[in-house]
PDB file of N, CA and C in Angstrom:
ATOM      1  N   UNK A   1       1.130  -0.600   0.212  1.00  0.00           N
ATOM      2  CA  UNK A   1      -0.366   0.485  -0.429  1.00  0.00           C
ATOM      3  C   UNK A   1       1.076   1.010  -0.241  1.00  0.00           C
ATOM      4  N   UNK A   2       0.801   2.257  -0.868  1.00  0.00           N
ATOM      5  CA  UNK A   2       1.330   3.302  -0.968  1.00  0.00           C
ATOM      6  C   UNK A   2       0.796   4.440  -0.521  1.00  0.00           C
ATOM      7  N   UNK A   3       0.866   5.259   0.310  1.00  0.00           N
ATOM      8  CA  UNK A   3       0.330   6.032   1.113  1.00  0.00           C
ATOM      9  C   UNK A   3       1.570   7.912   0.490  1.00  0.00           C
ATOM     10  N   UNK A   4       0.315   8.893  -0.252  1.00  0.00           N
ATOM     11  CA  UNK A   4       0.662   9.935  -0.877  1.00  0.00           C
ATOM     12  C   UNK A   4       1.259  11.088   0.421  1.00  0.00           C
ATOM     13  N   UNK A   5       2.289  10.574   0.809  1.00  0.00           N
ATOM     14  CA  UNK A   5       3.226  11.996   1.976  1.00  0.00           C
ATOM     15  C   UNK A   5       3.334  12.393   0.945  1.00  0.00           C
ATOM     16  N   UNK A   6       3.754  14.402   1.250  1.00  0.00           N
ATOM     17  CA  UNK A   6       4.248  15.298   0.833  1.00  0.00           C
ATOM     18  C   UNK A   6       5.713  15.552   0.799  1.00  0.00           C
ATOM     19  N   UNK A   7       6.362  15.498   0.089  1.00  0.00           N
ATOM     20  CA  UNK A   7       8.113  16.420   0.353  1.00  0.00           C
ATOM     21  C   UNK A   7       8.087  16.573   1.076  1.00  0.00           C
ATOM     22  N   UNK A   8       9.324  17.021   2.073  1.00  0.00           N
ATOM     23  CA  UNK A   8       9.615  17.572   3.156  1.00  0.00           C
ATOM     24  C   UNK A   8      10.242  18.116   2.983  1.00  0.00           C
ATOM     25  N   UNK A   9      11.028  19.803   2.953  1.00  0.00           N
ATOM     26  CA  UNK A   9      12.261  19.852   2.550  1.00  0.00           C
ATOM     27  C   UNK A   9      12.889  20.665   3.553  1.00  0.00           C
ATOM     28  N   UNK A  10      14.310  21.211   4.326  1.00  0.00           N
ATOM     29  CA  UNK A  10      14.944  22.262   4.895  1.00  0.00           C
ATOM     30  C   UNK A  10      16.121  22.921   4.035  1.00  0.00           C
ATOM     31  N   UNK A  11      16.403  23.778   4.851  1.00  0.00           N
ATOM     32  CA  UNK A  11      17.669  24.663   4.032  1.00  0.00           C
ATOM     33  C   UNK A  11      17.680  25.891   5.549  1.00  0.00           C
ATOM     34  N   UNK A  12      19.002  25.876   5.418  1.00  0.00           N
ATOM     35  CA  UNK A  12      19.672  26.836   6.399  1.00  0.00           C
ATOM     36  C   UNK A  12      20.716  27.434   5.574  1.00  0.00           C
ATOM     37  N   UNK A  13      20.695  28.325   6.533  1.00  0.00           N
ATOM     38  CA  UNK A  13      21.706  29.641   5.766  1.00  0.00           C
ATOM     39  C   UNK A  13      21.728  30.929   6.923  1.00  0.00           C
ATOM     40  N   UNK A  14      23.111  31.928   6.628  1.00  0.00           N
ATOM     41  CA  UNK A  14      23.036  33.422   8.100  1.00  0.00           C
ATOM     42  C   UNK A  14      22.401  34.616   7.075  1.00  0.00           C
ATOM     43  N   UNK A  15      22.055  34.737   8.061  1.00  0.00           N
ATOM     44  CA  UNK A  15      21.735  36.587   8.117  1.00  0.00           C
ATOM     45  C   UNK A  15      22.444  37.815   8.792  1.00  0.00           C
ATOM     46  N   UNK A  16      23.123  38.410   8.191  1.00  0.00           N
ATOM     47  CA  UNK A  16      24.138  39.488   8.183  1.00  0.00           C
ATOM     48  C   UNK A  16      23.371  40.064   9.910  1.00  0.00           C
ATOM     49  N   UNK A  17      24.346  39.733  10.900  1.00  0.00           N
ATOM     50  CA  UNK A  17      23.855  40.809  12.223  1.00  0.00           C
ATOM     51  C   UNK A  17      23.224  42.111  11.925  1.00  0.00           C
ATOM     52  N   UNK A  18      24.055  42.412  11.716  1.00  0.00           N
ATOM     53  CA  UNK A  18      23.339  43.995  11.238  1.00  0.00           C
ATOM     54  C   UNK A  18      22.394  44.121  10.364  1.00  0.00           C
ATOM     55  N   UNK A  19      21.384  43.147   9.788  1.00  0.00           N
ATOM     56  CA  UNK A  19      20.499  42.897   9.361  1.00  0.00           C
ATOM     57  C   UNK A  19      18.895  42.364  10.176  1.00  0.00           C
ATOM     58  N   UNK A  20      19.683  41.273  10.775  1.00  0.00           N
ATOM     59  CA  UNK A  20      19.101  40.846  11.544  1.00  0.00           C
ATOM     60  C   UNK A  20      16.929  41.237  11.420  1.00  0.00           C
ATOM     61  N   UNK A  21      17.300  42.428  12.365  1.00  0.00           N
ATOM     62  CA  UNK A  21      15.469  43.257  12.380  1.00  0.00           C
ATOM     63  C   UNK A  21      15.383  42.950  11.892  1.00  0.00           C
ATOM     64  N   UNK A  22      15.490  44.199  10.036  1.00  0.00           N
ATOM     65  CA  UNK A  22      15.046  44.050   9.398  1.00  0.00           C
ATOM     66  C   UNK A  22      14.953  43.150   8.814  1.00  0.00           C
ATOM     67  N   UNK A  23      15.679  41.662   8.461  1.00  0.00           N
ATOM     68  CA  UNK A  23      15.090  40.850   7.997  1.00  0.00           C
ATOM     69  C   UNK A  23      13.999  39.822   8.893  1.00  0.00           C
ATOM     70  N   UNK A  24      13.761  40.814  10.265  1.00  0.00           N
ATOM     71  CA  UNK A  24      11.901  39.283  10.951  1.00  0.00           C
ATOM     72  C   UNK A  24      11.272  40.753  10.390  1.00  0.00           C
ATOM     73  N   UNK A  25      11.505  41.928  10.815  1.00  0.00           N
ATOM     74  CA  UNK A  25      10.592  43.059   9.713  1.00  0.00           C
ATOM     75  C   UNK A  25       9.794  43.163   8.538  1.00  0.00           C
ATOM     76  N   UNK A  26      10.573  41.983   7.402  1.00  0.00           N
ATOM     77  CA  UNK A  26       9.916  41.468   6.372  1.00  0.00           C
ATOM     78  C   UNK A  26       9.205  39.926   6.075  1.00  0.00           C
ATOM     79  N   UNK A  27      10.000  39.509   7.025  1.00  0.00           N
ATOM     80  CA  UNK A  27       8.542  37.641   7.105  1.00  0.00           C
ATOM     81  C   UNK A  27       7.839  38.130   7.548  1.00  0.00           C
ATOM     82  N   UNK A  28       8.052  39.054   9.188  1.00  0.00           N
ATOM     83  CA  UNK A  28       6.515  39.568   9.340  1.00  0.00           C
ATOM     84  C   UNK A  28       5.420  39.919   8.668  1.00  0.00           C
ATOM     85  N   UNK A  29       6.074  41.240   7.038  1.00  0.00           N
ATOM     86  CA  UNK A  29       5.083  41.627   6.487  1.00  0.00           C
ATOM     87  C   UNK A  29       5.289  41.159   5.026  1.00  0.00           C
ATOM     88  N   UNK A  30       5.384  39.240   5.391  1.00  0.00           N
ATOM     89  CA  UNK A  30       5.606  39.079   3.556  1.00  0.00           C
ATOM     90  C   UNK A  30       4.369  40.131   2.683  1.00  0.00           C
ATOM     91  N   UNK A  31       5.157  40.277   1.391  1.00  0.00           N
ATOM     92  CA  UNK A  31       3.789  40.883  -0.369  1.00  0.00           C
ATOM     93  C   UNK A  31       2.746  39.790   0.442  1.00  0.00           C
ATOM     94  N   UNK A  32       2.144  39.593   0.007  1.00  0.00           N
ATOM     95  CA  UNK A  32       0.390  38.524  -0.182  1.00  0.00           C
ATOM     96  C   UNK A  32       1.208  37.641  -1.192  1.00  0.00           C
ATOM     97  N   UNK A  33       1.613  38.765  -2.673  1.00  0.00           N
ATOM     98  CA  UNK A  33       1.169  38.059  -4.294  1.00  0.00           C
ATOM     99  C   UNK A  33       2.460  36.759  -3.658  1.00  0.00           C
ATOM    100  N   UNK A  34       3.265  37.417  -2.724  1.00  0.00           N
ATOM    101  CA  UNK A  34       4.664  36.405  -2.707  1.00  0.00           C
ATOM    102  C   UNK A  34       3.535  34.941  -2.106  1.00  0.00           C
ATOM    103  N   UNK A  35       3.495  35.516  -0.947  1.00  0.00           N
ATOM    104  CA  UNK A  35       2.551  34.402  -0.239  1.00  0.00           C
ATOM    105  C   UNK A  35       1.442  33.455  -1.105  1.00  0.00           C
ATOM    106  N   UNK A  36       1.043  34.053  -1.764  1.00  0.00           N
ATOM    107  CA  UNK A  36       0.346  33.392  -3.215  1.00  0.00           C
ATOM    108  C   UNK A  36       1.087  32.462  -3.589  1.00  0.00           C
ATOM    109  N   UNK A  37       2.055  33.027  -4.609  1.00  0.00           N
ATOM    110  CA  UNK A  37       2.927  32.719  -5.749  1.00  0.00           C
ATOM    111  C   UNK A  37       3.497  31.522  -4.717  1.00  0.00           C
ATOM    112  N   UNK A  38       4.409  31.199  -3.779  1.00  0.00           N
ATOM    113  CA  UNK A  38       4.074  30.265  -2.963  1.00  0.00           C
ATOM    114  C   UNK A  38       3.268  28.918  -2.533  1.00  0.00           C
ATOM    115  N   UNK A  39       1.791  29.546  -2.434  1.00  0.00           N
ATOM    116  CA  UNK A  39       0.540  28.601  -2.487  1.00  0.00           C
ATOM    117  C   UNK A  39       0.388  27.710  -3.151  1.00  0.00           C
ATOM    118  N   UNK A  40       0.527  28.821  -4.363  1.00  0.00           N
ATOM    119  CA  UNK A  40      -0.365  28.637  -6.293  1.00  0.00           C
ATOM    120  C   UNK A  40       0.807  27.576  -6.854  1.00  0.00           C
ATOM    121  N   UNK A  41       2.363  27.342  -6.336  1.00  0.00           N
ATOM    122  CA  UNK A  41       3.646  26.627  -6.608  1.00  0.00           C
ATOM    123  C   UNK A  41       3.226  25.368  -5.943  1.00  0.00           C
ATOM    124  N   UNK A  42       2.336  25.269  -4.831  1.00  0.00           N
ATOM    125  CA  UNK A  42       2.034  24.606  -4.608  1.00  0.00           C
ATOM    126  C   UNK A  42       3.080  24.406  -2.983  1.00  0.00           C
ATOM    127  N   UNK A  43       3.878  24.959  -2.532  1.00  0.00           N
ATOM    128  CA  UNK A  43       4.661  25.127  -1.479  1.00  0.00           C
ATOM    129  C   UNK A  43       3.715  24.777   0.045  1.00  0.00           C
ATOM    130  N   UNK A  44       3.715  24.698   1.280  1.00  0.00           N
ATOM    131  CA  UNK A  44       3.056  24.092   2.329  1.00  0.00           C
ATOM    132  C   UNK A  44       3.528  24.104   3.419  1.00  0.00           C
ATOM    133  N   UNK A  45       3.367  24.529   4.700  1.00  0.00           N
ATOM    134  CA  UNK A  45       3.540  24.577   6.126  1.00  0.00           C
ATOM    135  C   UNK A  45       4.967  24.606   5.596  1.00  0.00           C
ATOM    136  N   UNK A  46       5.265  25.749   5.405  1.00  0.00           N
ATOM    137  CA  UNK A  46       6.824  26.873   5.455  1.00  0.00           C
ATOM    138  C   UNK A  46       6.724  27.692   5.998  1.00  0.00           C
ATOM    139  N   UNK A  47       8.192  27.595   7.248  1.00  0.00           N
ATOM    140  CA  UNK A  47       8.628  28.001   8.298  1.00  0.00           C
ATOM    141  C   UNK A  47       9.534  27.786   7.891  1.00  0.00           C
ATOM    142  N   UNK A  48       9.855  29.083   8.265  1.00  0.00           N
ATOM    143  CA  UNK A  48      11.972  30.232   8.504  1.00  0.00           C
ATOM    144  C   UNK A  48      11.835  30.112  10.610  1.00  0.00           C
ATOM    145  N   UNK A  49      12.532  30.157  11.135  1.00  0.00           N
ATOM    146  CA  UNK A  49      12.667  29.818  11.984  1.00  0.00           C
ATOM    147  C   UNK A  49      14.408  29.909  12.257  1.00  0.00           C
ATOM    148  N   UNK A  50      14.576  31.165  13.307  1.00  0.00           N
ATOM    149  CA  UNK A  50      15.888  32.323  13.450  1.00  0.00           C
ATOM    150  C   UNK A  50      16.296  32.172  14.778  1.00  0.00           C
ATOM    151  N   UNK A  51      17.964  32.209  14.732  1.00  0.00           N
ATOM    152  CA  UNK A  51      18.834  31.939  16.490  1.00  0.00           C
ATOM    153  C   UNK A  51      19.050  33.241  16.081  1.00  0.00           C
ATOM    154  N   UNK A  52      19.806  33.839  17.558  1.00  0.00           N
ATOM    155  CA  UNK A  52      19.314  34.880  17.909  1.00  0.00           C
ATOM    156  C   UNK A  52      20.993  35.904  16.815  1.00  0.00           C
ATOM    157  N   UNK A  53      21.744  34.557  16.757  1.00  0.00           N
ATOM    158  CA  UNK A  53      22.288  35.191  15.767  1.00  0.00           C
ATOM    159  C   UNK A  53      22.727  35.513  13.903  1.00  0.00           C
ATOM    160  N   UNK A  54      21.497  34.939  13.891  1.00  0.00           N
ATOM    161  CA  UNK A  54      21.153  35.246  12.612  1.00  0.00           C
ATOM    162  C   UNK A  54      20.839  33.457  11.875  1.00  0.00           C
ATOM    163  N   UNK A  55      21.306  32.927  12.290  1.00  0.00           N
ATOM    164  CA  UNK A  55      21.414  31.712  11.819  1.00  0.00           C
ATOM    165  C   UNK A  55      19.653  31.122  11.473  1.00  0.00           C
ATOM    166  N   UNK A  56      19.344  30.892   9.796  1.00  0.00           N
ATOM    167  CA  UNK A  56      17.994  30.378   9.849  1.00  0.00           C
ATOM    168  C   UNK A  56      17.898  29.235   9.094  1.00  0.00           C
ATOM    169  N   UNK A  57      16.526  28.284   9.792  1.00  0.00           N
ATOM    170  CA  UNK A  57      16.623  26.906   9.316  1.00  0.00           C
ATOM    171  C   UNK A  57      15.053  27.080   8.885  1.00  0.00           C
ATOM    172  N   UNK A  58      14.945  26.640   7.321  1.00  0.00           N
ATOM    173  CA  UNK A  58      13.711  27.150   6.686  1.00  0.00           C
ATOM    174  C   UNK A  58      13.162  25.220   7.092  1.00  0.00           C
ATOM    175  N   UNK A  59      11.618  25.584   6.547  1.00  0.00           N
ATOM    176  CA  UNK A  59      11.345  24.180   7.351  1.00  0.00           C
ATOM    177  C   UNK A  59       9.802  23.836   5.542  1.00  0.00           C
ATOM    178  N   UNK A  60       9.410  23.470   4.796  1.00  0.00           N
ATOM    179  CA  UNK A  60       8.335  22.934   3.965  1.00  0.00           C
ATOM    180  C   UNK A  60       7.737  21.671   3.278  1.00  0.00           C
ATOM    181  N   UNK A  61       6.813  22.131   2.634  1.00  0.00           N
ATOM    182  CA  UNK A  61       6.748  20.527   1.745  1.00  0.00           C
ATOM    183  C   UNK A  61       6.273  20.963   1.133  1.00  0.00           C
ATOM    184  N   UNK A  62       5.502  20.277  -0.496  1.00  0.00           N
ATOM    185  CA  UNK A  62       5.348  19.950  -1.263  1.00  0.00           C
ATOM    186  C   UNK A  62       4.533  18.664  -1.643  1.00  0.00           C
ATOM    187  N   UNK A  63       3.857  18.379  -2.918  1.00  0.00           N
ATOM    188  CA  UNK A  63       4.032  17.145  -3.392  1.00  0.00           C
ATOM    189  C   UNK A  63       4.435  16.914  -4.345  1.00  0.00           C
ATOM    190  N   UNK A  64       5.439  17.809  -4.642  1.00  0.00           N
ATOM    191  CA  UNK A  64       6.516  17.443  -5.679  1.00  0.00           C
ATOM    192  C   UNK A  64       7.275  18.724  -5.998  1.00  0.00           C
ATOM    193  N   UNK A  65       8.144  18.726  -4.825  1.00  0.00           N
ATOM    194  CA  UNK A  65       9.569  19.899  -4.732  1.00  0.00           C
ATOM    195  C   UNK A  65      10.219  20.276  -6.092  1.00  0.00           C
ATOM    196  N   UNK A  66      10.299  19.257  -6.638  1.00  0.00           N
ATOM    197  CA  UNK A  66      10.654  20.458  -7.637  1.00  0.00           C
ATOM    198  C   UNK A  66      10.349  20.813  -8.539  1.00  0.00           C
ATOM    199  N   UNK A  67       8.299  19.890  -9.413  1.00  0.00           N
ATOM    200  CA  UNK A  67       7.909  20.553  -9.509  1.00  0.00           C
ATOM    201  C   UNK A  67       7.409  22.083  -8.868  1.00  0.00           C
ATOM    202  N   UNK A  68       7.078  22.705  -7.681  1.00  0.00           N
ATOM    203  CA  UNK A  68       7.011  23.498  -6.958  1.00  0.00           C
ATOM    204  C   UNK A  68       8.003  24.812  -7.119  1.00  0.00           C
ATOM    205  N   UNK A  69       8.907  24.372  -6.559  1.00  0.00           N
ATOM    206  CA  UNK A  69      10.821  24.926  -6.924  1.00  0.00           C
ATOM    207  C   UNK A  69      10.810  25.744  -8.630  1.00  0.00           C
ATOM    208  N   UNK A  70      10.199  24.517  -9.002  1.00  0.00           N
ATOM    209  CA  UNK A  70      10.129  25.836 -10.921  1.00  0.00           C
ATOM    210  C   UNK A  70       9.365  26.576 -11.234  1.00  0.00           C
ATOM    211  N   UNK A  71       8.699  26.124 -10.451  1.00  0.00           N
ATOM    212  CA  UNK A  71       6.727  27.336 -10.872  1.00  0.00           C
ATOM    213  C   UNK A  71       7.428  28.127 -10.210  1.00  0.00           C
ATOM    214  N   UNK A  72       7.377  28.379  -9.147  1.00  0.00           N
ATOM    215  CA  UNK A  72       8.191  29.993  -8.347  1.00  0.00           C
ATOM    216  C   UNK A  72       9.098  30.560  -8.960  1.00  0.00           C
ATOM    217  N   UNK A  73       9.779  29.764  -9.678  1.00  0.00           N
ATOM    218  CA  UNK A  73      10.967  30.386 -10.466  1.00  0.00           C
ATOM    219  C   UNK A  73      11.002  30.812 -10.637  1.00  0.00           C
ATOM    220  N   UNK A  74       9.650  30.601 -11.408  1.00  0.00           N
ATOM    221  CA  UNK A  74       9.294  30.834 -12.886  1.00  0.00           C
ATOM    222  C   UNK A  74       8.404  32.390 -12.956  1.00  0.00           C
ATOM    223  N   UNK A  75       8.306  33.064 -11.168  1.00  0.00           N
ATOM    224  CA  UNK A  75       7.465  34.132 -10.085  1.00  0.00           C
ATOM    225  C   UNK A  75       8.343  35.526 -10.972  1.00  0.00           C
ATOM    226  N   UNK A  76       7.092  36.675 -11.286  1.00  0.00           N
ATOM    227  CA  UNK A  76       8.269  37.451 -11.415  1.00  0.00           C
ATOM    228  C   UNK A  76       8.451  37.765 -10.164  1.00  0.00           C
ATOM    229  N   UNK A  77       7.515  37.925  -9.255  1.00  0.00           N
ATOM    230  CA  UNK A  77       7.219  38.355  -7.769  1.00  0.00           C
ATOM    231  C   UNK A  77       8.138  37.923  -7.041  1.00  0.00           C
ATOM    232  N   UNK A  78       8.467  36.224  -7.328  1.00  0.00           N
ATOM    233  CA  UNK A  78       9.700  35.978  -6.476  1.00  0.00           C
ATOM    234  C   UNK A  78      11.511  36.342  -7.108  1.00  0.00           C
ATOM    235  N   UNK A  79      11.771  36.683  -8.013  1.00  0.00           N
ATOM    236  CA  UNK A  79      12.667  37.725  -8.446  1.00  0.00           C
ATOM    237  C   UNK A  79      12.356  38.266  -7.976  1.00  0.00           C
ATOM    238  N   UNK A  80      11.832  39.641  -7.585  1.00  0.00           N
ATOM    239  CA  UNK A  80      11.475  40.706  -6.816  1.00  0.00           C
ATOM    240  C   UNK A  80      11.751  40.181  -5.667  1.00  0.00           C
ATOM    241  N   UNK A  81      11.150  39.479  -4.541  1.00  0.00           N
ATOM    242  CA  UNK A  81      11.861  38.831  -3.350  1.00  0.00           C
ATOM    243  C   UNK A  81      13.161  38.738  -3.488  1.00  0.00           C
ATOM    244  N   UNK A  82      13.359  37.314  -4.007  1.00  0.00           N
ATOM    245  CA  UNK A  82      14.472  37.517  -3.578  1.00  0.00           C
ATOM    246  C   UNK A  82      15.793  38.493  -3.862  1.00  0.00           C
ATOM    247  N   UNK A  83      16.190  39.674  -4.832  1.00  0.00           N
ATOM    248  CA  UNK A  83      16.104  40.516  -5.079  1.00  0.00           C
ATOM    249  C   UNK A  83      16.686  41.002  -3.888  1.00  0.00           C
ATOM    250  N   UNK A  84      15.460  41.529  -3.089  1.00  0.00           N
ATOM    251  CA  UNK A  84      14.486  42.265  -1.591  1.00  0.00           C
ATOM    252  C   UNK A  84      15.776  41.620  -0.945  1.00  0.00           C
ATOM    253  N   UNK A  85      15.914  40.457  -1.291  1.00  0.00           N
ATOM    254  CA  UNK A  85      16.731  39.896   0.245  1.00  0.00           C
ATOM    255  C   UNK A  85      18.118  39.448   0.155  1.00  0.00           C
ATOM    256  N   UNK A  86      18.317  39.557  -0.428  1.00  0.00           N
ATOM    257  CA  UNK A  86      19.470  39.267  -1.495  1.00  0.00           C
ATOM    258  C   UNK A  86      20.877  39.808  -0.298  1.00  0.00           C
ATOM    259  N   UNK A  87      20.452  41.469  -0.062  1.00  0.00           N
ATOM    260  CA  UNK A  87      21.425  41.845   1.276  1.00  0.00           C
ATOM    261  C   UNK A  87      21.297  41.771   2.427  1.00  0.00           C
ATOM    262  N   UNK A  88      21.192  40.728   2.894  1.00  0.00           N
ATOM    263  CA  UNK A  88      20.575  40.239   3.909  1.00  0.00           C
ATOM    264  C   UNK A  88      20.772  38.803   4.681  1.00  0.00           C
ATOM    265  N   UNK A  89      21.439  38.783   3.487  1.00  0.00           N
ATOM    266  CA  UNK A  89      22.163  37.286   3.566  1.00  0.00           C
ATOM    267  C   UNK A  89      23.731  37.378   3.920  1.00  0.00           C
ATOM    268  N   UNK A  90      24.872  36.607   4.357  1.00  0.00           N
ATOM    269  CA  UNK A  90      25.683  36.701   4.855  1.00  0.00           C
ATOM    270  C   UNK A  90      26.119  34.824   4.558  1.00  0.00           C
ATOM    271  N   UNK A  91      25.754  34.370   4.659  1.00  0.00           N
ATOM    272  CA  UNK A  91      25.801  32.849   3.010  1.00  0.00           C
ATOM    273  C   UNK A  91      24.282  32.169   2.649  1.00  0.00           C
ATOM    274  N   UNK A  92      24.473  32.344   1.407  1.00  0.00           N
ATOM    275  CA  UNK A  92      23.105  32.060   0.486  1.00  0.00           C
ATOM    276  C   UNK A  92      22.705  30.628   0.414  1.00  0.00           C
ATOM    277  N   UNK A  93      21.322  30.710   0.710  1.00  0.00           N
ATOM    278  CA  UNK A  93      20.628  29.523   0.935  1.00  0.00           C
ATOM    279  C   UNK A  93      21.274  28.250  -0.013  1.00  0.00           C
ATOM    280  N   UNK A  94      21.607  27.148   0.844  1.00  0.00           N
ATOM    281  CA  UNK A  94      22.199  26.256   0.008  1.00  0.00           C
ATOM    282  C   UNK A  94      21.058  25.286  -0.390  1.00  0.00           C
ATOM    283  N   UNK A  95      21.363  23.745  -0.777  1.00  0.00           N
ATOM    284  CA  UNK A  95      20.771  22.552  -1.340  1.00  0.00           C
ATOM    285  C   UNK A  95      19.226  23.101  -0.640  1.00  0.00           C
ATOM    286  N   UNK A  96      18.296  22.584  -1.009  1.00  0.00           N
ATOM    287  CA  UNK A  96      17.468  21.474   0.226  1.00  0.00           C
ATOM    288  C   UNK A  96      17.738  20.773   0.318  1.00  0.00           C
ATOM    289  N   UNK A  97      17.730  20.364   2.102  1.00  0.00           N
ATOM    290  CA  UNK A  97      17.718  18.635   2.008  1.00  0.00           C
ATOM    291  C   UNK A  97      16.161  17.841   2.054  1.00  0.00           C
ATOM    292  N   UNK A  98      16.106  17.225   1.486  1.00  0.00           N
ATOM    293  CA  UNK A  98      15.013  15.795   1.570  1.00  0.00           C
ATOM    294  C   UNK A  98      14.971  14.726   2.368  1.00  0.00           C
ATOM    295  N   UNK A  99      13.997  14.957   3.398  1.00  0.00           N
ATOM    296  CA  UNK A  99      13.616  14.082   4.208  1.00  0.00           C
ATOM    297  C   UNK A  99      13.583  12.433   3.339  1.00  0.00           C
ATOM    298  N   UNK A 100      14.748  11.861   4.621  1.00  0.00           N
ATOM    299  CA  UNK A 100      14.445  10.546   5.079  1.00  0.00           C
ATOM    300  C   UNK A 100      14.015   9.799   5.914  1.00  0.00           C
ATOM    301  N   UNK A 101      13.090  10.260   6.845  1.00  0.00           N
ATOM    302  CA  UNK A 101      13.032   9.290   8.328  1.00  0.00           C
ATOM    303  C   UNK A 101      11.845  10.667   8.302  1.00  0.00           C
ATOM    304  N   UNK A 102      10.510   9.910   9.110  1.00  0.00           N
ATOM    305  CA  UNK A 102       9.282  11.315   9.844  1.00  0.00           C
ATOM    306  C   UNK A 102       8.739  10.014  10.656  1.00  0.00           C
ATOM    307  N   UNK A 103       9.142  10.844  11.361  1.00  0.00           N
ATOM    308  CA  UNK A 103       7.629  10.133  12.927  1.00  0.00           C
ATOM    309  C   UNK A 103       6.814  10.713  12.934  1.00  0.00           C
ATOM    310  N   UNK A 104       4.967   9.826  12.931  1.00  0.00           N
ATOM    311  CA  UNK A 104       4.207  10.732  12.833  1.00  0.00           C
ATOM    312  C   UNK A 104       3.896  11.201  14.535  1.00  0.00           C
TER     313      UNK A 104
END
């Protein structure tokens, strides 16, 4: 029996210390069209966690991560959002880590 479980993925990066407060502000006010693009492309249960030192850990789910990532990559709003976020990064988000174990 096969179950249709979502693909779960995570990623990590650092925010420059001088931008931590501003980064939090931006993410408390994510553009509605950016939120919609993420949803329209199949991302859900998307969370970002940040330590005090600016280390960010992201978690998200999708039925097809490759397709969702390609979809959002084609959205103009994503291009604009990523350009706005770029100055904040001390390290650029790297590869996504896909889940290999999950305990319900």
